[in-house]
Amino acid sequence: MYVCICNAIRESELRRAARHVSGDAEACYAALGKRPACGTCLDEAESILLEERELGFVPAAA
């Protein structure tokens, strides 16, 4: 499923980034070489990051 249509970021990519990048959705987008465009995806992206990190993985501080 696409989380961000503007940047074609898939949920799986965002979850992978959440495991390797500390910070918010914008930090994960940056790690993927993207920037939020319209911003409508950010709430959903933050929810996905929180869910992924609650599974027990906490990324190292940058």
N, C-alpha and C. Protein backbone atom coordinates (compact mmCIF):
# COMPACT_ATOMS: atom_id res chain seq x y z
N MET A 1 0.84 -1.16 0.00
CA MET A 1 0.00 0.00 0.00
C MET A 1 0.89 1.24 0.00
N TYR A 2 0.47 2.25 -0.75
CA TYR A 2 1.20 3.51 -0.75
C TYR A 2 0.75 4.36 0.43
N VAL A 3 1.73 4.87 1.17
CA VAL A 3 1.45 5.80 2.26
C VAL A 3 1.47 7.22 1.70
N CYS A 4 2.43 7.49 0.87
CA CYS A 4 2.58 8.81 0.27
C CYS A 4 2.47 8.68 -1.25
N ILE A 5 1.40 9.19 -1.78
CA ILE A 5 1.18 9.13 -3.22
C ILE A 5 2.13 10.08 -3.95
N CYS A 6 2.33 11.27 -3.39
CA CYS A 6 3.18 12.27 -4.04
C CYS A 6 4.60 11.75 -4.30
N ASN A 7 5.12 10.97 -3.35
CA ASN A 7 6.49 10.46 -3.45
C ASN A 7 6.56 8.97 -3.73
N ALA A 8 5.41 8.33 -3.90
CA ALA A 8 5.34 6.89 -4.15
C ALA A 8 6.09 6.10 -3.08
N ILE A 9 5.84 6.45 -1.81
CA ILE A 9 6.45 5.73 -0.69
C ILE A 9 5.48 4.66 -0.22
N ARG A 10 5.94 3.44 -0.26
CA ARG A 10 5.12 2.30 0.17
C ARG A 10 5.25 2.11 1.69
N GLU A 11 4.23 1.50 2.25
CA GLU A 11 4.23 1.23 3.69
C GLU A 11 5.45 0.40 4.08
N SER A 12 5.81 -0.58 3.29
CA SER A 12 6.96 -1.43 3.60
C SER A 12 8.26 -0.62 3.65
N GLU A 13 8.41 0.35 2.76
CA GLU A 13 9.59 1.21 2.77
C GLU A 13 9.64 2.07 4.02
N LEU A 14 8.48 2.60 4.41
CA LEU A 14 8.41 3.44 5.59
C LEU A 14 8.70 2.62 6.85
N ARG A 15 8.17 1.41 6.91
CA ARG A 15 8.45 0.54 8.07
C ARG A 15 9.93 0.21 8.15
N ARG A 16 10.56 -0.06 7.03
CA ARG A 16 12.00 -0.33 7.01
C ARG A 16 12.77 0.89 7.50
N ALA A 17 12.39 2.06 7.05
CA ALA A 17 13.05 3.29 7.48
C ALA A 17 12.86 3.50 8.98
N ALA A 18 11.68 3.18 9.51
CA ALA A 18 11.41 3.34 10.94
C ALA A 18 12.35 2.50 11.79
N ARG A 19 12.80 1.38 11.25
CA ARG A 19 13.72 0.50 11.98
C ARG A 19 15.16 1.00 11.95
N HIS A 20 15.45 1.94 11.06
CA HIS A 20 16.84 2.39 10.90
C HIS A 20 17.05 3.87 11.18
N VAL A 21 15.98 4.62 11.26
CA VAL A 21 16.08 6.08 11.39
C VAL A 21 15.32 6.53 12.63
N SER A 22 15.99 7.31 13.47
CA SER A 22 15.26 7.90 14.58
C SER A 22 14.63 9.19 14.08
N GLY A 23 13.60 9.62 14.73
CA GLY A 23 12.95 10.86 14.32
C GLY A 23 11.57 10.62 13.76
N ASP A 24 11.01 11.70 13.25
CA ASP A 24 9.62 11.68 12.78
C ASP A 24 9.52 11.22 11.33
N ALA A 25 8.32 11.32 10.81
CA ALA A 25 8.07 10.90 9.43
C ALA A 25 8.94 11.66 8.44
N GLU A 26 9.11 12.95 8.67
CA GLU A 26 9.93 13.74 7.74
C GLU A 26 11.38 13.25 7.73
N ALA A 27 11.89 12.81 8.88
CA ALA A 27 13.25 12.27 8.93
C ALA A 27 13.33 10.96 8.15
N CYS A 28 12.29 10.14 8.27
CA CYS A 28 12.27 8.88 7.50
C CYS A 28 12.14 9.15 6.01
N TYR A 29 11.32 10.12 5.64
CA TYR A 29 11.20 10.50 4.23
C TYR A 29 12.57 10.94 3.71
N ALA A 30 13.29 11.76 4.49
CA ALA A 30 14.60 12.24 4.07
C ALA A 30 15.57 11.08 3.87
N ALA A 31 15.50 10.08 4.74
CA ALA A 31 16.36 8.91 4.61
C ALA A 31 16.05 8.15 3.32
N LEU A 32 14.82 8.28 2.85
CA LEU A 32 14.43 7.65 1.59
C LEU A 32 14.70 8.57 0.39
N GLY A 33 15.29 9.73 0.66
CA GLY A 33 15.60 10.67 -0.42
C GLY A 33 14.39 11.46 -0.88
N LYS A 34 13.40 11.60 -0.01
CA LYS A 34 12.14 12.28 -0.37
C LYS A 34 11.85 13.40 0.63
N ARG A 35 10.91 14.26 0.25
CA ARG A 35 10.40 15.31 1.12
C ARG A 35 8.88 15.32 1.01
N PRO A 36 8.18 15.58 2.12
CA PRO A 36 6.73 15.66 2.03
C PRO A 36 6.33 16.75 1.03
N ALA A 37 5.35 16.47 0.22
CA ALA A 37 4.87 17.46 -0.77
C ALA A 37 3.60 18.11 -0.24
N CYS A 38 2.48 17.42 -0.34
CA CYS A 38 1.22 18.01 0.10
C CYS A 38 1.01 17.85 1.60
N GLY A 39 1.63 16.84 2.22
CA GLY A 39 1.58 16.65 3.67
C GLY A 39 0.39 15.87 4.20
N THR A 40 -0.53 15.47 3.35
CA THR A 40 -1.70 14.77 3.85
C THR A 40 -1.37 13.37 4.38
N CYS A 41 -0.23 12.85 4.04
CA CYS A 41 0.17 11.51 4.46
C CYS A 41 0.86 11.48 5.82
N LEU A 42 1.25 12.63 6.34
CA LEU A 42 2.12 12.65 7.52
C LEU A 42 1.47 12.04 8.76
N ASP A 43 0.19 12.25 9.00
CA ASP A 43 -0.46 11.64 10.16
C ASP A 43 -0.44 10.12 10.07
N GLU A 44 -0.77 9.60 8.91
CA GLU A 44 -0.74 8.15 8.71
C GLU A 44 0.70 7.63 8.82
N ALA A 45 1.64 8.36 8.27
CA ALA A 45 3.04 7.95 8.34
C ALA A 45 3.52 7.90 9.79
N GLU A 46 3.15 8.89 10.59
CA GLU A 46 3.53 8.91 12.00
C GLU A 46 2.92 7.71 12.74
N SER A 47 1.69 7.36 12.41
CA SER A 47 1.04 6.20 13.03
C SER A 47 1.78 4.92 12.69
N ILE A 48 2.21 4.80 11.46
CA ILE A 48 2.96 3.62 11.03
C ILE A 48 4.30 3.54 11.74
N LEU A 49 4.98 4.67 11.88
CA LEU A 49 6.26 4.70 12.58
C LEU A 49 6.07 4.27 14.03
N LEU A 50 5.06 4.81 14.69
CA LEU A 50 4.79 4.47 16.08
C LEU A 50 4.50 2.97 16.21
N GLU A 51 3.67 2.46 15.35
CA GLU A 51 3.32 1.04 15.37
C GLU A 51 4.56 0.18 15.18
N GLU A 52 5.38 0.51 14.22
CA GLU A 52 6.58 -0.27 13.93
C GLU A 52 7.54 -0.23 15.11
N ARG A 53 7.69 0.93 15.72
CA ARG A 53 8.63 1.07 16.84
C ARG A 53 8.09 0.43 18.11
N GLU A 54 6.77 0.34 18.26
CA GLU A 54 6.19 -0.32 19.43
C GLU A 54 6.40 -1.83 19.38
N LEU A 55 6.72 -2.34 18.22
CA LEU A 55 6.97 -3.77 18.09
C LEU A 55 8.28 -4.19 18.78
N GLY A 56 8.98 -3.22 19.31
CA GLY A 56 10.18 -3.54 20.06
C GLY A 56 11.47 -2.98 19.51
N PHE A 57 11.42 -2.38 18.35
CA PHE A 57 12.64 -1.84 17.78
C PHE A 57 12.70 -0.35 18.04
N VAL A 58 13.81 0.09 18.60
CA VAL A 58 14.03 1.52 18.80
C VAL A 58 15.29 1.88 18.06
N PRO A 59 15.21 2.74 17.05
CA PRO A 59 16.41 3.09 16.28
C PRO A 59 17.41 3.86 17.13
N ALA A 60 18.66 3.71 16.79
CA ALA A 60 19.71 4.44 17.49
C ALA A 60 19.57 5.93 17.22
N ALA A 61 19.89 6.72 18.21
CA ALA A 61 19.81 8.17 18.05
C ALA A 61 20.83 8.61 17.01
N ALA A 62 20.44 9.57 16.20
CA ALA A 62 21.33 10.05 15.13
C ALA A 62 22.32 11.04 15.68
